[in-house]
Amino acid sequence: AAAALGLGRWRVLRRIVVPQAMRAIVP
């Protein structure tokens, strides 16, 4: 979905991947 919206890789990593991955990483 992020690629379809034309978001850059750094923005996808910072705004989409990291916040969702942290839910699994933090515990």
PDB file of all heavy atoms in Angstrom:
ATOM      1  N   ALA A   1       0.826  -1.206   0.000  1.00  0.00           N
ATOM      2  CA  ALA A   1       0.000   0.000   0.000  1.00  0.00           C
ATOM      3  C   ALA A   1       0.862   1.258   0.000  1.00  0.00           C
ATOM      4  O   ALA A   1       0.552   2.243  -0.677  1.00  0.00           O
ATOM      5  CB  ALA A   1      -0.930  -0.007   1.211  1.00  0.00           C
ATOM      6  N   ALA A   2       1.961   1.235   0.760  1.00  0.00           N
ATOM      7  CA  ALA A   2       2.861   2.387   0.781  1.00  0.00           C
ATOM      8  C   ALA A   2       3.514   2.596  -0.585  1.00  0.00           C
ATOM      9  O   ALA A   2       3.663   3.725  -1.044  1.00  0.00           O
ATOM     10  CB  ALA A   2       3.925   2.187   1.849  1.00  0.00           C
ATOM     11  N   ALA A   3       3.883   1.491  -1.248  1.00  0.00           N
ATOM     12  CA  ALA A   3       4.473   1.616  -2.582  1.00  0.00           C
ATOM     13  C   ALA A   3       3.461   2.156  -3.581  1.00  0.00           C
ATOM     14  O   ALA A   3       3.800   2.937  -4.473  1.00  0.00           O
ATOM     15  CB  ALA A   3       5.004   0.262  -3.039  1.00  0.00           C
ATOM     16  N   ALA A   4       2.179   1.758  -3.420  1.00  0.00           N
ATOM     17  CA  ALA A   4       1.145   2.249  -4.325  1.00  0.00           C
ATOM     18  C   ALA A   4       0.922   3.755  -4.145  1.00  0.00           C
ATOM     19  O   ALA A   4       0.556   4.455  -5.101  1.00  0.00           O
ATOM     20  CB  ALA A   4      -0.154   1.490  -4.090  1.00  0.00           C
ATOM     21  N   LEU A   5       1.142   4.251  -2.922  1.00  0.00           N
ATOM     22  CA  LEU A   5       0.989   5.686  -2.666  1.00  0.00           C
ATOM     23  C   LEU A   5       2.218   6.483  -3.076  1.00  0.00           C
ATOM     24  O   LEU A   5       2.210   7.712  -2.979  1.00  0.00           O
ATOM     25  CB  LEU A   5       0.694   5.913  -1.176  1.00  0.00           C
ATOM     26  CG  LEU A   5      -0.656   5.382  -0.676  1.00  0.00           C
ATOM     27  CD1 LEU A   5      -0.755   5.541   0.840  1.00  0.00           C
ATOM     28  CD2 LEU A   5      -1.801   6.109  -1.362  1.00  0.00           C
ATOM     29  N   GLY A   6       3.274   5.810  -3.487  1.00  0.00           N
ATOM     30  CA  GLY A   6       4.477   6.498  -3.924  1.00  0.00           C
ATOM     31  C   GLY A   6       5.358   7.004  -2.803  1.00  0.00           C
ATOM     32  O   GLY A   6       6.144   7.934  -3.011  1.00  0.00           O
ATOM     33  N   LEU A   7       5.270   6.409  -1.605  1.00  0.00           N
ATOM     34  CA  LEU A   7       6.098   6.846  -0.489  1.00  0.00           C
ATOM     35  C   LEU A   7       7.529   6.358  -0.673  1.00  0.00           C
ATOM     36  O   LEU A   7       7.770   5.263  -1.172  1.00  0.00           O
ATOM     37  CB  LEU A   7       5.531   6.308   0.833  1.00  0.00           C
ATOM     38  CG  LEU A   7       4.104   6.740   1.183  1.00  0.00           C
ATOM     39  CD1 LEU A   7       3.679   6.124   2.500  1.00  0.00           C
ATOM     40  CD2 LEU A   7       3.997   8.252   1.250  1.00  0.00           C
ATOM     41  N   GLY A   8       8.475   7.174  -0.236  1.00  0.00           N
ATOM     42  CA  GLY A   8       9.879   6.797  -0.330  1.00  0.00           C
ATOM     43  C   GLY A   8      10.239   5.703   0.653  1.00  0.00           C
ATOM     44  O   GLY A   8       9.530   5.458   1.639  1.00  0.00           O
ATOM     45  N   ARG A   9      11.371   5.034   0.426  1.00  0.00           N
ATOM     46  CA  ARG A   9      11.769   3.910   1.267  1.00  0.00           C
ATOM     47  C   ARG A   9      12.054   4.358   2.695  1.00  0.00           C
ATOM     48  O   ARG A   9      11.688   3.670   3.649  1.00  0.00           O
ATOM     49  CB  ARG A   9      13.011   3.236   0.665  1.00  0.00           C
ATOM     50  CG  ARG A   9      12.769   2.606  -0.692  1.00  0.00           C
ATOM     51  CD  ARG A   9      14.000   1.882  -1.189  1.00  0.00           C
ATOM     52  NE  ARG A   9      14.375   0.801  -0.292  1.00  0.00           N
ATOM     53  CZ  ARG A   9      15.439   0.022  -0.479  1.00  0.00           C
ATOM     54  NH1 ARG A   9      16.242   0.236  -1.518  1.00  0.00           N
ATOM     55  NH2 ARG A   9      15.716  -0.951   0.369  1.00  0.00           N
ATOM     56  N   TRP A  10      12.715   5.498   2.868  1.00  0.00           N
ATOM     57  CA  TRP A  10      13.009   5.974   4.212  1.00  0.00           C
ATOM     58  C   TRP A  10      11.739   6.327   4.965  1.00  0.00           C
ATOM     59  O   TRP A  10      11.612   6.031   6.153  1.00  0.00           O
ATOM     60  CB  TRP A  10      13.944   7.173   4.142  1.00  0.00           C
ATOM     61  CG  TRP A  10      14.157   7.848   5.466  1.00  0.00           C
ATOM     62  CD1 TRP A  10      13.752   9.078   5.846  1.00  0.00           C
ATOM     63  CD2 TRP A  10      14.828   7.284   6.598  1.00  0.00           C
ATOM     64  NE1 TRP A  10      14.110   9.342   7.133  1.00  0.00           N
ATOM     65  CE2 TRP A  10      14.782   8.252   7.627  1.00  0.00           C
ATOM     66  CE3 TRP A  10      15.451   6.063   6.844  1.00  0.00           C
ATOM     67  CZ2 TRP A  10      15.340   8.033   8.878  1.00  0.00           C
ATOM     68  CZ3 TRP A  10      16.019   5.843   8.103  1.00  0.00           C
ATOM     69  CH2 TRP A  10      15.955   6.825   9.090  1.00  0.00           C
ATOM     70  N   ARG A  11      10.782   6.944   4.294  1.00  0.00           N
ATOM     71  CA  ARG A  11       9.529   7.289   4.955  1.00  0.00           C
ATOM     72  C   ARG A  11       8.721   6.050   5.295  1.00  0.00           C
ATOM     73  O   ARG A  11       8.082   5.981   6.348  1.00  0.00           O
ATOM     74  CB  ARG A  11       8.709   8.221   4.047  1.00  0.00           C
ATOM     75  CG  ARG A  11       7.500   8.828   4.742  1.00  0.00           C
ATOM     76  CD  ARG A  11       6.795   9.827   3.861  1.00  0.00           C
ATOM     77  NE  ARG A  11       5.680  10.454   4.560  1.00  0.00           N
ATOM     78  CZ  ARG A  11       4.839  11.298   3.996  1.00  0.00           C
ATOM     79  NH1 ARG A  11       5.009  11.640   2.709  1.00  0.00           N
ATOM     80  NH2 ARG A  11       3.852  11.820   4.691  1.00  0.00           N
ATOM     81  N   VAL A  12       8.742   5.067   4.401  1.00  0.00           N
ATOM     82  CA  VAL A  12       8.047   3.801   4.692  1.00  0.00           C
ATOM     83  C   VAL A  12       8.672   3.129   5.911  1.00  0.00           C
ATOM     84  O   VAL A  12       7.967   2.622   6.794  1.00  0.00           O
ATOM     85  CB  VAL A  12       8.112   2.872   3.464  1.00  0.00           C
ATOM     86  CG1 VAL A  12       7.596   1.476   3.821  1.00  0.00           C
ATOM     87  CG2 VAL A  12       7.311   3.452   2.320  1.00  0.00           C
ATOM     88  N   LEU A  13      10.005   3.142   5.968  1.00  0.00           N
ATOM     89  CA  LEU A  13      10.681   2.525   7.109  1.00  0.00           C
ATOM     90  C   LEU A  13      10.371   3.259   8.404  1.00  0.00           C
ATOM     91  O   LEU A  13      10.108   2.630   9.432  1.00  0.00           O
ATOM     92  CB  LEU A  13      12.191   2.516   6.858  1.00  0.00           C
ATOM     93  CG  LEU A  13      13.068   1.935   7.956  1.00  0.00           C
ATOM     94  CD1 LEU A  13      12.808   0.447   8.112  1.00  0.00           C
ATOM     95  CD2 LEU A  13      14.547   2.189   7.666  1.00  0.00           C
ATOM     96  N   ARG A  14      10.369   4.585   8.352  1.00  0.00           N
ATOM     97  CA  ARG A  14      10.197   5.388   9.568  1.00  0.00           C
ATOM     98  C   ARG A  14       8.756   5.455  10.038  1.00  0.00           C
ATOM     99  O   ARG A  14       8.504   5.414  11.249  1.00  0.00           O
ATOM    100  CB  ARG A  14      10.733   6.806   9.319  1.00  0.00           C
ATOM    101  CG  ARG A  14      10.670   7.731  10.523  1.00  0.00           C
ATOM    102  CD  ARG A  14      11.416   9.020  10.231  1.00  0.00           C
ATOM    103  NE  ARG A  14      10.888   9.683   9.048  1.00  0.00           N
ATOM    104  CZ  ARG A  14       9.908  10.598   9.086  1.00  0.00           C
ATOM    105  NH1 ARG A  14       9.362  10.945  10.237  1.00  0.00           N
ATOM    106  NH2 ARG A  14       9.504  11.168   7.966  1.00  0.00           N
ATOM    107  N   ARG A  15       7.801   5.524   9.115  1.00  0.00           N
ATOM    108  CA  ARG A  15       6.405   5.749   9.492  1.00  0.00           C
ATOM    109  C   ARG A  15       5.553   4.485   9.487  1.00  0.00           C
ATOM    110  O   ARG A  15       4.480   4.474  10.094  1.00  0.00           O
ATOM    111  CB  ARG A  15       5.782   6.776   8.552  1.00  0.00           C
ATOM    112  CG  ARG A  15       6.467   8.126   8.540  1.00  0.00           C
ATOM    113  CD  ARG A  15       6.423   8.775   9.918  1.00  0.00           C
ATOM    114  NE  ARG A  15       5.080   9.013  10.347  1.00  0.00           N
ATOM    115  CZ  ARG A  15       4.380  10.111  10.084  1.00  0.00           C
ATOM    116  NH1 ARG A  15       4.948  11.085   9.373  1.00  0.00           N
ATOM    117  NH2 ARG A  15       3.153  10.258  10.528  1.00  0.00           N
ATOM    118  N   ILE A  16       6.008   3.432   8.816  1.00  0.00           N
ATOM    119  CA  ILE A  16       5.165   2.233   8.692  1.00  0.00           C
ATOM    120  C   ILE A  16       5.839   1.009   9.304  1.00  0.00           C
ATOM    121  O   ILE A  16       5.258   0.330  10.161  1.00  0.00           O
ATOM    122  CB  ILE A  16       4.810   1.975   7.213  1.00  0.00           C
ATOM    123  CG1 ILE A  16       3.974   3.129   6.670  1.00  0.00           C
ATOM    124  CG2 ILE A  16       4.064   0.653   7.063  1.00  0.00           C
ATOM    125  CD1 ILE A  16       3.627   2.999   5.203  1.00  0.00           C
ATOM    126  N   VAL A  17       7.065   0.723   8.870  1.00  0.00           N
ATOM    127  CA  VAL A  17       7.711  -0.514   9.300  1.00  0.00           C
ATOM    128  C   VAL A  17       8.116  -0.459  10.772  1.00  0.00           C
ATOM    129  O   VAL A  17       7.751  -1.339  11.565  1.00  0.00           O
ATOM    130  CB  VAL A  17       8.934  -0.810   8.406  1.00  0.00           C
ATOM    131  CG1 VAL A  17       9.671  -2.047   8.914  1.00  0.00           C
ATOM    132  CG2 VAL A  17       8.495  -1.018   6.967  1.00  0.00           C
ATOM    133  N   VAL A  18       8.860   0.584  11.157  1.00  0.00           N
ATOM    134  CA  VAL A  18       9.385   0.651  12.518  1.00  0.00           C
ATOM    135  C   VAL A  18       8.275   0.705  13.575  1.00  0.00           C
ATOM    136  O   VAL A  18       8.319  -0.061  14.551  1.00  0.00           O
ATOM    137  CB  VAL A  18      10.353   1.839  12.662  1.00  0.00           C
ATOM    138  CG1 VAL A  18      10.750   2.047  14.131  1.00  0.00           C
ATOM    139  CG2 VAL A  18      11.589   1.616  11.807  1.00  0.00           C
ATOM    140  N   PRO A  19       7.240   1.582  13.461  1.00  0.00           N
ATOM    141  CA  PRO A  19       6.211   1.594  14.511  1.00  0.00           C
ATOM    142  C   PRO A  19       5.502   0.260  14.687  1.00  0.00           C
ATOM    143  O   PRO A  19       5.181  -0.135  15.816  1.00  0.00           O
ATOM    144  CB  PRO A  19       5.236   2.687  14.023  1.00  0.00           C
ATOM    145  CG  PRO A  19       6.046   3.560  13.145  1.00  0.00           C
ATOM    146  CD  PRO A  19       7.013   2.646  12.455  1.00  0.00           C
ATOM    147  N   GLN A  20       5.239  -0.451  13.586  1.00  0.00           N
ATOM    148  CA  GLN A  20       4.562  -1.736  13.705  1.00  0.00           C
ATOM    149  C   GLN A  20       5.513  -2.834  14.177  1.00  0.00           C
ATOM    150  O   GLN A  20       5.118  -3.721  14.933  1.00  0.00           O
ATOM    151  CB  GLN A  20       3.937  -2.129  12.370  1.00  0.00           C
ATOM    152  CG  GLN A  20       2.840  -1.173  11.917  1.00  0.00           C
ATOM    153  CD  GLN A  20       2.139  -1.666  10.675  1.00  0.00           C
ATOM    154  OE1 GLN A  20       1.549  -2.737  10.651  1.00  0.00           O
ATOM    155  NE2 GLN A  20       2.205  -0.879   9.609  1.00  0.00           N
ATOM    156  N   ALA A  21       6.757  -2.771  13.738  1.00  0.00           N
ATOM    157  CA  ALA A  21       7.721  -3.780  14.179  1.00  0.00           C
ATOM    158  C   ALA A  21       8.041  -3.645  15.661  1.00  0.00           C
ATOM    159  O   ALA A  21       8.302  -4.644  16.342  1.00  0.00           O
ATOM    160  CB  ALA A  21       9.007  -3.671  13.357  1.00  0.00           C
ATOM    161  N   MET A  22       7.983  -2.421  16.181  1.00  0.00           N
ATOM    162  CA  MET A  22       8.308  -2.217  17.590  1.00  0.00           C
ATOM    163  C   MET A  22       7.319  -2.910  18.513  1.00  0.00           C
ATOM    164  O   MET A  22       7.667  -3.258  19.643  1.00  0.00           O
ATOM    165  CB  MET A  22       8.345  -0.719  17.902  1.00  0.00           C
ATOM    166  CG  MET A  22       9.532   0.008  17.285  1.00  0.00           C
ATOM    167  SD  MET A  22      11.126  -0.610  17.865  1.00  0.00           S
ATOM    168  CE  MET A  22      11.102  -0.003  19.543  1.00  0.00           C
ATOM    169  N   ARG A  23       6.093  -3.125  18.057  1.00  0.00           N
ATOM    170  CA  ARG A  23       5.129  -3.857  18.888  1.00  0.00           C
ATOM    171  C   ARG A  23       5.592  -5.267  19.164  1.00  0.00           C
ATOM    172  O   ARG A  23       5.308  -5.827  20.228  1.00  0.00           O
ATOM    173  CB  ARG A  23       3.762  -3.878  18.197  1.00  0.00           C
ATOM    174  CG  ARG A  23       3.136  -2.510  18.013  1.00  0.00           C
ATOM    175  CD  ARG A  23       1.860  -2.618  17.186  1.00  0.00           C
ATOM    176  NE  ARG A  23       1.337  -1.298  16.853  1.00  0.00           N
ATOM    177  CZ  ARG A  23       0.366  -1.080  15.980  1.00  0.00           C
ATOM    178  NH1 ARG A  23      -0.196  -2.115  15.350  1.00  0.00           N
ATOM    179  NH2 ARG A  23      -0.049   0.146  15.733  1.00  0.00           N
ATOM    180  N   ALA A  24       6.289  -5.870  18.207  1.00  0.00           N
ATOM    181  CA  ALA A  24       6.823  -7.214  18.406  1.00  0.00           C
ATOM    182  C   ALA A  24       8.212  -7.199  19.012  1.00  0.00           C
ATOM    183  O   ALA A  24       8.614  -8.152  19.675  1.00  0.00           O
ATOM    184  CB  ALA A  24       6.856  -7.964  17.070  1.00  0.00           C
ATOM    185  N   ILE A  25       8.956  -6.102  18.806  1.00  0.00           N
ATOM    186  CA  ILE A  25      10.336  -6.043  19.287  1.00  0.00           C
ATOM    187  C   ILE A  25      10.407  -5.699  20.770  1.00  0.00           C
ATOM    188  O   ILE A  25      11.193  -6.281  21.522  1.00  0.00           O
ATOM    189  CB  ILE A  25      11.146  -5.021  18.458  1.00  0.00           C
ATOM    190  CG1 ILE A  25      11.322  -5.531  17.027  1.00  0.00           C
ATOM    191  CG2 ILE A  25      12.502  -4.741  19.087  1.00  0.00           C
ATOM    192  CD1 ILE A  25      11.999  -4.537  16.100  1.00  0.00           C
ATOM    193  N   VAL A  26       9.574  -4.741  21.215  1.00  0.00           N
ATOM    194  CA  VAL A  26       9.711  -4.213  22.579  1.00  0.00           C
ATOM    195  C   VAL A  26       9.542  -5.283  23.659  1.00  0.00           C
ATOM    196  O   VAL A  26      10.362  -5.349  24.586  1.00  0.00           O
ATOM    197  CB  VAL A  26       8.726  -3.044  22.794  1.00  0.00           C
ATOM    198  CG1 VAL A  26       8.650  -2.661  24.263  1.00  0.00           C
ATOM    199  CG2 VAL A  26       9.166  -1.842  21.970  1.00  0.00           C
ATOM    200  N   PRO A  27       8.508  -6.147  23.619  1.00  0.00           N
ATOM    201  CA  PRO A  27       8.408  -7.150  24.697  1.00  0.00           C
ATOM    202  C   PRO A  27       9.626  -8.051  24.789  1.00  0.00           C
ATOM    203  O   PRO A  27      10.145  -8.301  25.886  1.00  0.00           O
ATOM    204  CB  PRO A  27       7.145  -7.935  24.317  1.00  0.00           C
ATOM    205  CG  PRO A  27       6.355  -7.010  23.466  1.00  0.00           C
ATOM    206  CD  PRO A  27       7.352  -6.219  22.701  1.00  0.00           C
TER     207      PRO A  27
END
